[in-house]
PDB file of all heavy atoms in Angstrom:
ATOM      1  N   PRO A   1       0.805  -1.222   0.001  1.00  0.00           N
ATOM      2  CA  PRO A   1      -0.001  -0.004  -0.001  1.00  0.00           C
ATOM      3  C   PRO A   1       0.837   1.272  -0.001  1.00  0.00           C
ATOM      4  O   PRO A   1       0.458   2.257  -0.643  1.00  0.00           O
ATOM      5  CB  PRO A   1      -0.818  -0.129   1.295  1.00  0.00           C
ATOM      6  CG  PRO A   1      -0.897  -1.590   1.548  1.00  0.00           C
ATOM      7  CD  PRO A   1       0.414  -2.149   1.081  1.00  0.00           C
ATOM      8  N   ASP A   2       1.972   1.284   0.708  1.00  0.00           N
ATOM      9  CA  ASP A   2       2.769   2.504   0.753  1.00  0.00           C
ATOM     10  C   ASP A   2       3.402   2.810  -0.590  1.00  0.00           C
ATOM     11  O   ASP A   2       3.545   3.979  -0.983  1.00  0.00           O
ATOM     12  CB  ASP A   2       3.831   2.410   1.850  1.00  0.00           C
ATOM     13  CG  ASP A   2       4.763   1.226   1.647  1.00  0.00           C
ATOM     14  OD1 ASP A   2       4.361   0.243   1.007  1.00  0.00           O
ATOM     15  OD2 ASP A   2       5.912   1.292   2.134  1.00  0.00           O
ATOM     16  N   VAL A   3       3.797   1.775  -1.343  1.00  0.00           N
ATOM     17  CA  VAL A   3       4.372   1.997  -2.667  1.00  0.00           C
ATOM     18  C   VAL A   3       3.280   2.459  -3.639  1.00  0.00           C
ATOM     19  O   VAL A   3       3.496   3.372  -4.441  1.00  0.00           O
ATOM     20  CB  VAL A   3       5.056   0.710  -3.188  1.00  0.00           C
ATOM     21  CG1 VAL A   3       5.522   0.895  -4.624  1.00  0.00           C
ATOM     22  CG2 VAL A   3       6.240   0.351  -2.301  1.00  0.00           C
ATOM     23  N   ILE A   4       2.110   1.831  -3.561  1.00  0.00           N
ATOM     24  CA  ILE A   4       0.990   2.266  -4.405  1.00  0.00           C
ATOM     25  C   ILE A   4       0.626   3.713  -4.076  1.00  0.00           C
ATOM     26  O   ILE A   4       0.360   4.531  -4.973  1.00  0.00           O
ATOM     27  CB  ILE A   4      -0.225   1.340  -4.193  1.00  0.00           C
ATOM     28  CG1 ILE A   4       0.097  -0.084  -4.652  1.00  0.00           C
ATOM     29  CG2 ILE A   4      -1.436   1.871  -4.954  1.00  0.00           C
ATOM     30  CD1 ILE A   4      -0.998  -1.083  -4.374  1.00  0.00           C
ATOM     31  N   LYS A   5       0.646   4.038  -2.795  1.00  0.00           N
ATOM     32  CA  LYS A   5       0.338   5.408  -2.368  1.00  0.00           C
ATOM     33  C   LYS A   5       1.350   6.390  -2.950  1.00  0.00           C
ATOM     34  O   LYS A   5       0.972   7.477  -3.427  1.00  0.00           O
ATOM     35  CB  LYS A   5       0.338   5.479  -0.839  1.00  0.00           C
ATOM     36  CG  LYS A   5       0.152   6.876  -0.287  1.00  0.00           C
ATOM     37  CD  LYS A   5       0.225   6.859   1.230  1.00  0.00           C
ATOM     38  CE  LYS A   5       0.161   8.283   1.789  1.00  0.00           C
ATOM     39  NZ  LYS A   5       0.244   8.290   3.272  1.00  0.00           N
ATOM     40  N   SER A   6       2.623   6.049  -2.930  1.00  0.00           N
ATOM     41  CA  SER A   6       3.653   6.934  -3.492  1.00  0.00           C
ATOM     42  C   SER A   6       3.438   7.138  -4.985  1.00  0.00           C
ATOM     43  O   SER A   6       3.635   8.244  -5.512  1.00  0.00           O
ATOM     44  CB  SER A   6       5.041   6.348  -3.242  1.00  0.00           C
ATOM     45  OG  SER A   6       5.320   6.265  -1.857  1.00  0.00           O
ATOM     46  N   ASN A   7       3.043   6.068  -5.674  1.00  0.00           N
ATOM     47  CA  ASN A   7       2.771   6.179  -7.106  1.00  0.00           C
ATOM     48  C   ASN A   7       1.572   7.086  -7.376  1.00  0.00           C
ATOM     49  O   ASN A   7       1.576   7.888  -8.310  1.00  0.00           O
ATOM     50  CB  ASN A   7       2.524   4.783  -7.677  1.00  0.00           C
ATOM     51  CG  ASN A   7       2.422   4.777  -9.191  1.00  0.00           C
ATOM     52  OD1 ASN A   7       2.927   5.666  -9.860  1.00  0.00           O
ATOM     53  ND2 ASN A   7       1.772   3.772  -9.739  1.00  0.00           N
ATOM     54  N   LEU A   8       0.551   6.977  -6.526  1.00  0.00           N
ATOM     55  CA  LEU A   8      -0.626   7.840  -6.671  1.00  0.00           C
ATOM     56  C   LEU A   8      -0.277   9.298  -6.404  1.00  0.00           C
ATOM     57  O   LEU A   8      -0.766  10.200  -7.098  1.00  0.00           O
ATOM     58  CB  LEU A   8      -1.719   7.380  -5.707  1.00  0.00           C
ATOM     59  CG  LEU A   8      -2.365   6.024  -6.009  1.00  0.00           C
ATOM     60  CD1 LEU A   8      -3.272   5.594  -4.865  1.00  0.00           C
ATOM     61  CD2 LEU A   8      -3.144   6.073  -7.322  1.00  0.00           C
ATOM     62  N   LYS A   9       0.579   9.544  -5.425  1.00  0.00           N
ATOM     63  CA  LYS A   9       1.009  10.912  -5.140  1.00  0.00           C
ATOM     64  C   LYS A   9       1.802  11.485  -6.311  1.00  0.00           C
ATOM     65  O   LYS A   9       1.697  12.675  -6.632  1.00  0.00           O
ATOM     66  CB  LYS A   9       1.848  10.939  -3.864  1.00  0.00           C
ATOM     67  CG  LYS A   9       1.048  10.654  -2.599  1.00  0.00           C
ATOM     68  CD  LYS A   9       1.922  10.568  -1.371  1.00  0.00           C
ATOM     69  CE  LYS A   9       2.507  11.902  -0.987  1.00  0.00           C
ATOM     70  NZ  LYS A   9       3.263  11.820   0.290  1.00  0.00           N
ATOM     71  N   LEU A  10       2.576  10.621  -6.959  1.00  0.00           N
ATOM     72  CA  LEU A  10       3.329  11.051  -8.140  1.00  0.00           C
ATOM     73  C   LEU A  10       2.367  11.405  -9.274  1.00  0.00           C
ATOM     74  O   LEU A  10       2.558  12.432  -9.957  1.00  0.00           O
ATOM     75  CB  LEU A  10       4.289   9.950  -8.569  1.00  0.00           C
ATOM     76  CG  LEU A  10       5.204  10.247  -9.764  1.00  0.00           C
ATOM     77  CD1 LEU A  10       6.111  11.423  -9.471  1.00  0.00           C
ATOM     78  CD2 LEU A  10       6.030   9.009 -10.123  1.00  0.00           C
ATOM     79  N   GLN A  11       1.340  10.596  -9.470  1.00  0.00           N
ATOM     80  CA  GLN A  11       0.354  10.889 -10.508  1.00  0.00           C
ATOM     81  C   GLN A  11      -0.391  12.191 -10.214  1.00  0.00           C
ATOM     82  O   GLN A  11      -0.634  13.002 -11.111  1.00  0.00           O
ATOM     83  CB  GLN A  11      -0.637   9.741 -10.619  1.00  0.00           C
ATOM     84  CG  GLN A  11      -0.021   8.440 -11.112  1.00  0.00           C
ATOM     85  CD  GLN A  11      -1.029   7.297 -11.106  1.00  0.00           C
ATOM     86  OE1 GLN A  11      -2.225   7.497 -11.294  1.00  0.00           O
ATOM     87  NE2 GLN A  11      -0.552   6.073 -10.880  1.00  0.00           N
ATOM     88  N   LYS A  12      -0.744  12.392  -8.932  1.00  0.00           N
ATOM     89  CA  LYS A  12      -1.431  13.632  -8.554  1.00  0.00           C
ATOM     90  C   LYS A  12      -0.552  14.849  -8.811  1.00  0.00           C
ATOM     91  O   LYS A  12      -1.019  15.880  -9.305  1.00  0.00           O
ATOM     92  CB  LYS A  12      -1.832  13.570  -7.088  1.00  0.00           C
ATOM     93  CG  LYS A  12      -2.581  14.815  -6.615  1.00  0.00           C
ATOM     94  CD  LYS A  12      -2.868  14.798  -5.153  1.00  0.00           C
ATOM     95  CE  LYS A  12      -3.667  16.030  -4.739  1.00  0.00           C
ATOM     96  NZ  LYS A  12      -2.991  17.305  -5.117  1.00  0.00           N
ATOM     97  N   ALA A  13       0.727  14.724  -8.475  1.00  0.00           N
ATOM     98  CA  ALA A  13       1.653  15.828  -8.712  1.00  0.00           C
ATOM     99  C   ALA A  13       1.739  16.146 -10.207  1.00  0.00           C
ATOM    100  O   ALA A  13       1.841  17.316 -10.599  1.00  0.00           O
ATOM    101  CB  ALA A  13       3.038  15.494  -8.153  1.00  0.00           C
ATOM    102  N   GLY A  14       1.676  15.115 -11.047  1.00  0.00           N
ATOM    103  CA  GLY A  14       1.676  15.326 -12.489  1.00  0.00           C
ATOM    104  C   GLY A  14       0.444  16.095 -12.943  1.00  0.00           C
ATOM    105  O   GLY A  14       0.534  17.006 -13.795  1.00  0.00           O
ATOM    106  N   TYR A  15      -0.715  15.740 -12.406  1.00  0.00           N
ATOM    107  CA  TYR A  15      -1.939  16.479 -12.721  1.00  0.00           C
ATOM    108  C   TYR A  15      -1.829  17.943 -12.288  1.00  0.00           C
ATOM    109  O   TYR A  15      -2.252  18.857 -13.008  1.00  0.00           O
ATOM    110  CB  TYR A  15      -3.138  15.832 -12.029  1.00  0.00           C
ATOM    111  CG  TYR A  15      -3.619  14.554 -12.679  1.00  0.00           C
ATOM    112  CD1 TYR A  15      -3.983  13.452 -11.897  1.00  0.00           C
ATOM    113  CD2 TYR A  15      -3.735  14.440 -14.048  1.00  0.00           C
ATOM    114  CE1 TYR A  15      -4.424  12.270 -12.484  1.00  0.00           C
ATOM    115  CE2 TYR A  15      -4.176  13.264 -14.648  1.00  0.00           C
ATOM    116  CZ  TYR A  15      -4.518  12.187 -13.855  1.00  0.00           C
ATOM    117  OH  TYR A  15      -4.952  11.025 -14.444  1.00  0.00           O
ATOM    118  N   ASP A  16      -1.263  18.159 -11.093  1.00  0.00           N
ATOM    119  CA  ASP A  16      -1.148  19.519 -10.575  1.00  0.00           C
ATOM    120  C   ASP A  16      -0.241  20.378 -11.439  1.00  0.00           C
ATOM    121  O   ASP A  16      -0.478  21.592 -11.596  1.00  0.00           O
ATOM    122  CB  ASP A  16      -0.633  19.487  -9.127  1.00  0.00           C
ATOM    123  CG  ASP A  16      -1.636  18.881  -8.161  1.00  0.00           C
ATOM    124  OD1 ASP A  16      -2.824  18.840  -8.517  1.00  0.00           O
ATOM    125  OD2 ASP A  16      -1.234  18.441  -7.064  1.00  0.00           O
ATOM    126  N   VAL A  17       0.808  19.787 -12.002  1.00  0.00           N
ATOM    127  CA  VAL A  17       1.674  20.532 -12.921  1.00  0.00           C
ATOM    128  C   VAL A  17       0.895  20.966 -14.160  1.00  0.00           C
ATOM    129  O   VAL A  17       0.963  22.114 -14.605  1.00  0.00           O
ATOM    130  CB  VAL A  17       2.909  19.688 -13.319  1.00  0.00           C
ATOM    131  CG1 VAL A  17       3.691  20.375 -14.438  1.00  0.00           C
ATOM    132  CG2 VAL A  17       3.821  19.463 -12.121  1.00  0.00           C
ATOM    133  N   ARG A  18       0.116  20.026 -14.706  1.00  0.00           N
ATOM    134  CA  ARG A  18      -0.670  20.340 -15.907  1.00  0.00           C
ATOM    135  C   ARG A  18      -1.738  21.405 -15.607  1.00  0.00           C
ATOM    136  O   ARG A  18      -1.992  22.281 -16.438  1.00  0.00           O
ATOM    137  CB  ARG A  18      -1.319  19.065 -16.438  1.00  0.00           C
ATOM    138  CG  ARG A  18      -0.318  18.050 -16.978  1.00  0.00           C
ATOM    139  CD  ARG A  18      -0.967  16.711 -17.261  1.00  0.00           C
ATOM    140  NE  ARG A  18      -1.989  16.833 -18.294  1.00  0.00           N
ATOM    141  CZ  ARG A  18      -2.807  15.829 -18.644  1.00  0.00           C
ATOM    142  NH1 ARG A  18      -2.686  14.641 -18.035  1.00  0.00           N
ATOM    143  NH2 ARG A  18      -3.713  15.995 -19.583  1.00  0.00           N
ATOM    144  N   ILE A  19      -2.327  21.330 -14.423  1.00  0.00           N
ATOM    145  CA  ILE A  19      -3.340  22.332 -14.045  1.00  0.00           C
ATOM    146  C   ILE A  19      -2.723  23.714 -13.955  1.00  0.00           C
ATOM    147  O   ILE A  19      -3.286  24.711 -14.427  1.00  0.00           O
ATOM    148  CB  ILE A  19      -3.994  21.940 -12.708  1.00  0.00           C
ATOM    149  CG1 ILE A  19      -4.852  20.677 -12.878  1.00  0.00           C
ATOM    150  CG2 ILE A  19      -4.863  23.079 -12.169  1.00  0.00           C
ATOM    151  CD1 ILE A  19      -5.312  20.090 -11.565  1.00  0.00           C
ATOM    152  N   SER A  20      -1.541  23.790 -13.330  1.00  0.00           N
ATOM    153  CA  SER A  20      -0.885  25.091 -13.184  1.00  0.00           C
ATOM    154  C   SER A  20      -0.518  25.700 -14.533  1.00  0.00           C
ATOM    155  O   SER A  20      -0.559  26.923 -14.700  1.00  0.00           O
ATOM    156  CB  SER A  20       0.374  24.943 -12.304  1.00  0.00           C
ATOM    157  OG  SER A  20       1.335  24.105 -12.934  1.00  0.00           O
ATOM    158  N   LYS A  21      -0.177  24.867 -15.506  1.00  0.00           N
ATOM    159  CA  LYS A  21       0.117  25.382 -16.848  1.00  0.00           C
ATOM    160  C   LYS A  21      -1.140  25.899 -17.531  1.00  0.00           C
ATOM    161  O   LYS A  21      -1.120  26.922 -18.219  1.00  0.00           O
ATOM    162  CB  LYS A  21       0.772  24.286 -17.694  1.00  0.00           C
ATOM    163  CG  LYS A  21       2.185  23.921 -17.257  1.00  0.00           C
ATOM    164  CD  LYS A  21       2.764  22.833 -18.157  1.00  0.00           C
ATOM    165  CE  LYS A  21       4.191  22.491 -17.759  1.00  0.00           C
ATOM    166  NZ  LYS A  21       4.774  21.417 -18.598  1.00  0.00           N
ATOM    167  N   LYS A  22      -2.250  25.189 -17.364  1.00  0.00           N
ATOM    168  CA  LYS A  22      -3.500  25.588 -18.001  1.00  0.00           C
ATOM    169  C   LYS A  22      -4.069  26.866 -17.382  1.00  0.00           C
ATOM    170  O   LYS A  22      -4.914  27.533 -18.000  1.00  0.00           O
ATOM    171  CB  LYS A  22      -4.520  24.460 -17.918  1.00  0.00           C
ATOM    172  CG  LYS A  22      -4.154  23.252 -18.789  1.00  0.00           C
ATOM    173  CD  LYS A  22      -5.205  22.164 -18.721  1.00  0.00           C
ATOM    174  CE  LYS A  22      -4.779  20.937 -19.537  1.00  0.00           C
ATOM    175  NZ  LYS A  22      -4.699  21.241 -20.971  1.00  0.00           N
ATOM    176  N   ASN A  23      -3.604  27.220 -16.178  1.00  0.00           N
ATOM    177  CA  ASN A  23      -4.052  28.473 -15.572  1.00  0.00           C
ATOM    178  C   ASN A  23      -3.552  29.691 -16.327  1.00  0.00           C
ATOM    179  O   ASN A  23      -4.045  30.811 -16.117  1.00  0.00           O
ATOM    180  CB  ASN A  23      -3.587  28.551 -14.114  1.00  0.00           C
ATOM    181  CG  ASN A  23      -4.424  27.703 -13.190  1.00  0.00           C
ATOM    182  OD1 ASN A  23      -5.598  27.467 -13.453  1.00  0.00           O
ATOM    183  ND2 ASN A  23      -3.838  27.240 -12.096  1.00  0.00           N
ATOM    184  N   LEU A  24      -2.566  29.511 -17.229  1.00  0.00           N
ATOM    185  CA  LEU A  24      -2.063  30.614 -18.050  1.00  0.00           C
ATOM    186  C   LEU A  24      -3.038  30.945 -19.185  1.00  0.00           C
ATOM    187  O   LEU A  24      -2.951  32.023 -19.773  1.00  0.00           O
ATOM    188  CB  LEU A  24      -0.702  30.264 -18.639  1.00  0.00           C
ATOM    189  CG  LEU A  24       0.451  30.047 -17.640  1.00  0.00           C
ATOM    190  CD1 LEU A  24       1.695  29.575 -18.368  1.00  0.00           C
ATOM    191  CD2 LEU A  24       0.748  31.328 -16.872  1.00  0.00           C
ATOM    192  N   LEU A  25      -3.944  30.031 -19.488  1.00  0.00           N
ATOM    193  CA  LEU A  25      -4.855  30.212 -20.608  1.00  0.00           C
ATOM    194  C   LEU A  25      -6.111  30.970 -20.163  1.00  0.00           C
ATOM    195  O   LEU A  25      -6.464  30.969 -18.981  1.00  0.00           O
ATOM    196  CB  LEU A  25      -5.251  28.848 -21.178  1.00  0.00           C
ATOM    197  CG  LEU A  25      -4.083  27.976 -21.667  1.00  0.00           C
ATOM    198  CD1 LEU A  25      -4.589  26.587 -22.037  1.00  0.00           C
ATOM    199  CD2 LEU A  25      -3.384  28.629 -22.846  1.00  0.00           C
ATOM    200  N   PRO A  26      -6.771  31.638 -21.091  1.00  0.00           N
ATOM    201  CA  PRO A  26      -7.986  32.386 -20.724  1.00  0.00           C
ATOM    202  C   PRO A  26      -9.128  31.431 -20.388  1.00  0.00           C
ATOM    203  O   PRO A  26      -9.174  30.280 -20.817  1.00  0.00           O
ATOM    204  CB  PRO A  26      -8.302  33.190 -21.991  1.00  0.00           C
ATOM    205  CG  PRO A  26      -7.685  32.395 -23.106  1.00  0.00           C
ATOM    206  CD  PRO A  26      -6.439  31.772 -22.516  1.00  0.00           C
ATOM    207  N   SER A  27     -10.058  31.935 -19.592  1.00  0.00           N
ATOM    208  CA  SER A  27     -11.247  31.171 -19.232  1.00  0.00           C
ATOM    209  C   SER A  27     -12.477  31.844 -19.820  1.00  0.00           C
ATOM    210  O   SER A  27     -12.477  33.057 -20.085  1.00  0.00           O
ATOM    211  CB  SER A  27     -11.379  31.053 -17.711  1.00  0.00           C
ATOM    212  OG  SER A  27     -11.476  32.331 -17.119  1.00  0.00           O
ATOM    213  N   PHE A  28     -13.526  31.037 -20.014  1.00  0.00           N
ATOM    214  CA  PHE A  28     -14.760  31.545 -20.609  1.00  0.00           C
ATOM    215  C   PHE A  28     -15.934  31.101 -19.755  1.00  0.00           C
ATOM    216  O   PHE A  28     -16.049  29.924 -19.404  1.00  0.00           O
ATOM    217  CB  PHE A  28     -14.929  31.021 -22.044  1.00  0.00           C
ATOM    218  CG  PHE A  28     -13.801  31.435 -22.967  1.00  0.00           C
ATOM    219  CD1 PHE A  28     -12.678  30.640 -23.089  1.00  0.00           C
ATOM    220  CD2 PHE A  28     -13.863  32.620 -23.671  1.00  0.00           C
ATOM    221  CE1 PHE A  28     -11.635  31.008 -23.928  1.00  0.00           C
ATOM    222  CE2 PHE A  28     -12.835  33.003 -24.518  1.00  0.00           C
ATOM    223  CZ  PHE A  28     -11.706  32.193 -24.639  1.00  0.00           C
ATOM    224  N   ILE A  29     -16.796  32.049 -19.429  1.00  0.00           N
ATOM    225  CA  ILE A  29     -17.955  31.776 -18.584  1.00  0.00           C
ATOM    226  C   ILE A  29     -19.229  32.035 -19.385  1.00  0.00           C
ATOM    227  O   ILE A  29     -19.402  33.116 -19.957  1.00  0.00           O
ATOM    228  CB  ILE A  29     -17.947  32.650 -17.324  1.00  0.00           C
ATOM    229  CG1 ILE A  29     -16.697  32.371 -16.486  1.00  0.00           C
ATOM    230  CG2 ILE A  29     -19.205  32.405 -16.485  1.00  0.00           C
ATOM    231  CD1 ILE A  29     -16.543  33.289 -15.306  1.00  0.00           C
ATOM    232  N   ILE A  30     -20.068  31.023 -19.448  1.00  0.00           N
ATOM    233  CA  ILE A  30     -21.395  31.191 -20.063  1.00  0.00           C
ATOM    234  C   ILE A  30     -22.354  31.642 -18.976  1.00  0.00           C
ATOM    235  O   ILE A  30     -22.490  30.983 -17.940  1.00  0.00           O
ATOM    236  CB  ILE A  30     -21.883  29.878 -20.700  1.00  0.00           C
ATOM    237  CG1 ILE A  30     -20.950  29.465 -21.844  1.00  0.00           C
ATOM    238  CG2 ILE A  30     -23.305  30.041 -21.214  1.00  0.00           C
ATOM    239  CD1 ILE A  30     -21.341  28.141 -22.485  1.00  0.00           C
ATOM    240  N   SER A  31     -23.013  32.765 -19.196  1.00  0.00           N
ATOM    241  CA  SER A  31     -23.923  33.315 -18.198  1.00  0.00           C
ATOM    242  C   SER A  31     -25.242  33.683 -18.877  1.00  0.00           C
ATOM    243  O   SER A  31     -25.251  34.186 -20.004  1.00  0.00           O
ATOM    244  CB  SER A  31     -23.310  34.548 -17.535  1.00  0.00           C
ATOM    245  OG  SER A  31     -24.178  35.085 -16.569  1.00  0.00           O
ATOM    246  N   GLY A  32     -26.333  33.437 -18.189  1.00  0.00           N
ATOM    247  CA  GLY A  32     -27.629  33.768 -18.777  1.00  0.00           C
ATOM    248  C   GLY A  32     -28.741  33.764 -17.764  1.00  0.00           C
ATOM    249  O   GLY A  32     -28.569  33.287 -16.626  1.00  0.00           O
ATOM    250  N   ASN A  33     -29.893  34.312 -18.172  1.00  0.00           N
ATOM    251  CA  ASN A  33     -31.080  34.350 -17.326  1.00  0.00           C
ATOM    252  C   ASN A  33     -32.288  33.956 -18.162  1.00  0.00           C
ATOM    253  O   ASN A  33     -32.350  34.255 -19.370  1.00  0.00           O
ATOM    254  CB  ASN A  33     -31.322  35.747 -16.756  1.00  0.00           C
ATOM    255  CG  ASN A  33     -30.229  36.159 -15.783  1.00  0.00           C
ATOM    256  OD1 ASN A  33     -30.194  35.690 -14.662  1.00  0.00           O
ATOM    257  ND2 ASN A  33     -29.325  37.018 -16.234  1.00  0.00           N
ATOM    258  N   VAL A  34     -33.240  33.335 -17.546  1.00  0.00           N
ATOM    259  CA  VAL A  34     -34.507  33.036 -18.192  1.00  0.00           C
ATOM    260  C   VAL A  34     -35.606  33.092 -17.129  1.00  0.00           C
ATOM    261  O   VAL A  34     -35.404  32.599 -16.011  1.00  0.00           O
ATOM    262  CB  VAL A  34     -34.473  31.668 -18.903  1.00  0.00           C
ATOM    263  CG1 VAL A  34     -34.248  30.551 -17.929  1.00  0.00           C
ATOM    264  CG2 VAL A  34     -35.748  31.432 -19.701  1.00  0.00           C
ATOM    265  N   GLY A  35     -36.708  33.742 -17.441  1.00  0.00           N
ATOM    266  CA  GLY A  35     -37.776  33.840 -16.460  1.00  0.00           C
ATOM    267  C   GLY A  35     -38.830  34.850 -16.876  1.00  0.00           C
ATOM    268  O   GLY A  35     -39.093  35.029 -18.077  1.00  0.00           O
ATOM    269  N   TYR A  36     -39.370  35.552 -15.891  1.00  0.00           N
ATOM    270  CA  TYR A  36     -40.466  36.485 -16.147  1.00  0.00           C
ATOM    271  C   TYR A  36     -40.199  37.799 -15.431  1.00  0.00           C
ATOM    272  O   TYR A  36     -39.646  37.835 -14.326  1.00  0.00           O
ATOM    273  CB  TYR A  36     -41.792  35.897 -15.671  1.00  0.00           C
ATOM    274  CG  TYR A  36     -42.176  34.642 -16.420  1.00  0.00           C
ATOM    275  CD1 TYR A  36     -41.825  33.390 -15.927  1.00  0.00           C
ATOM    276  CD2 TYR A  36     -42.900  34.733 -17.606  1.00  0.00           C
ATOM    277  CE1 TYR A  36     -42.186  32.246 -16.618  1.00  0.00           C
ATOM    278  CE2 TYR A  36     -43.255  33.584 -18.303  1.00  0.00           C
ATOM    279  CZ  TYR A  36     -42.892  32.346 -17.803  1.00  0.00           C
ATOM    280  OH  TYR A  36     -43.235  31.224 -18.487  1.00  0.00           O
ATOM    281  N   ASN A  37     -40.640  38.897 -16.087  1.00  0.00           N
ATOM    282  CA  ASN A  37     -40.465  40.244 -15.547  1.00  0.00           C
ATOM    283  C   ASN A  37     -41.747  41.027 -15.801  1.00  0.00           C
ATOM    284  O   ASN A  37     -42.109  41.242 -16.970  1.00  0.00           O
ATOM    285  CB  ASN A  37     -39.262  40.924 -16.204  1.00  0.00           C
ATOM    286  CG  ASN A  37     -39.060  42.339 -15.711  1.00  0.00           C
ATOM    287  OD1 ASN A  37     -39.393  42.671 -14.570  1.00  0.00           O
ATOM    288  ND2 ASN A  37     -38.536  43.207 -16.579  1.00  0.00           N
TER     289      ASN A  37
END
């Protein structure tokens, strides 16, 4: 379990690196309303 855990932590760290790189890119938000006035 401890070796599997270390491997999972390594995989998570890899995801975190990719996330931090994607934070350099612009984001887009879809916003809208529907109802009655």
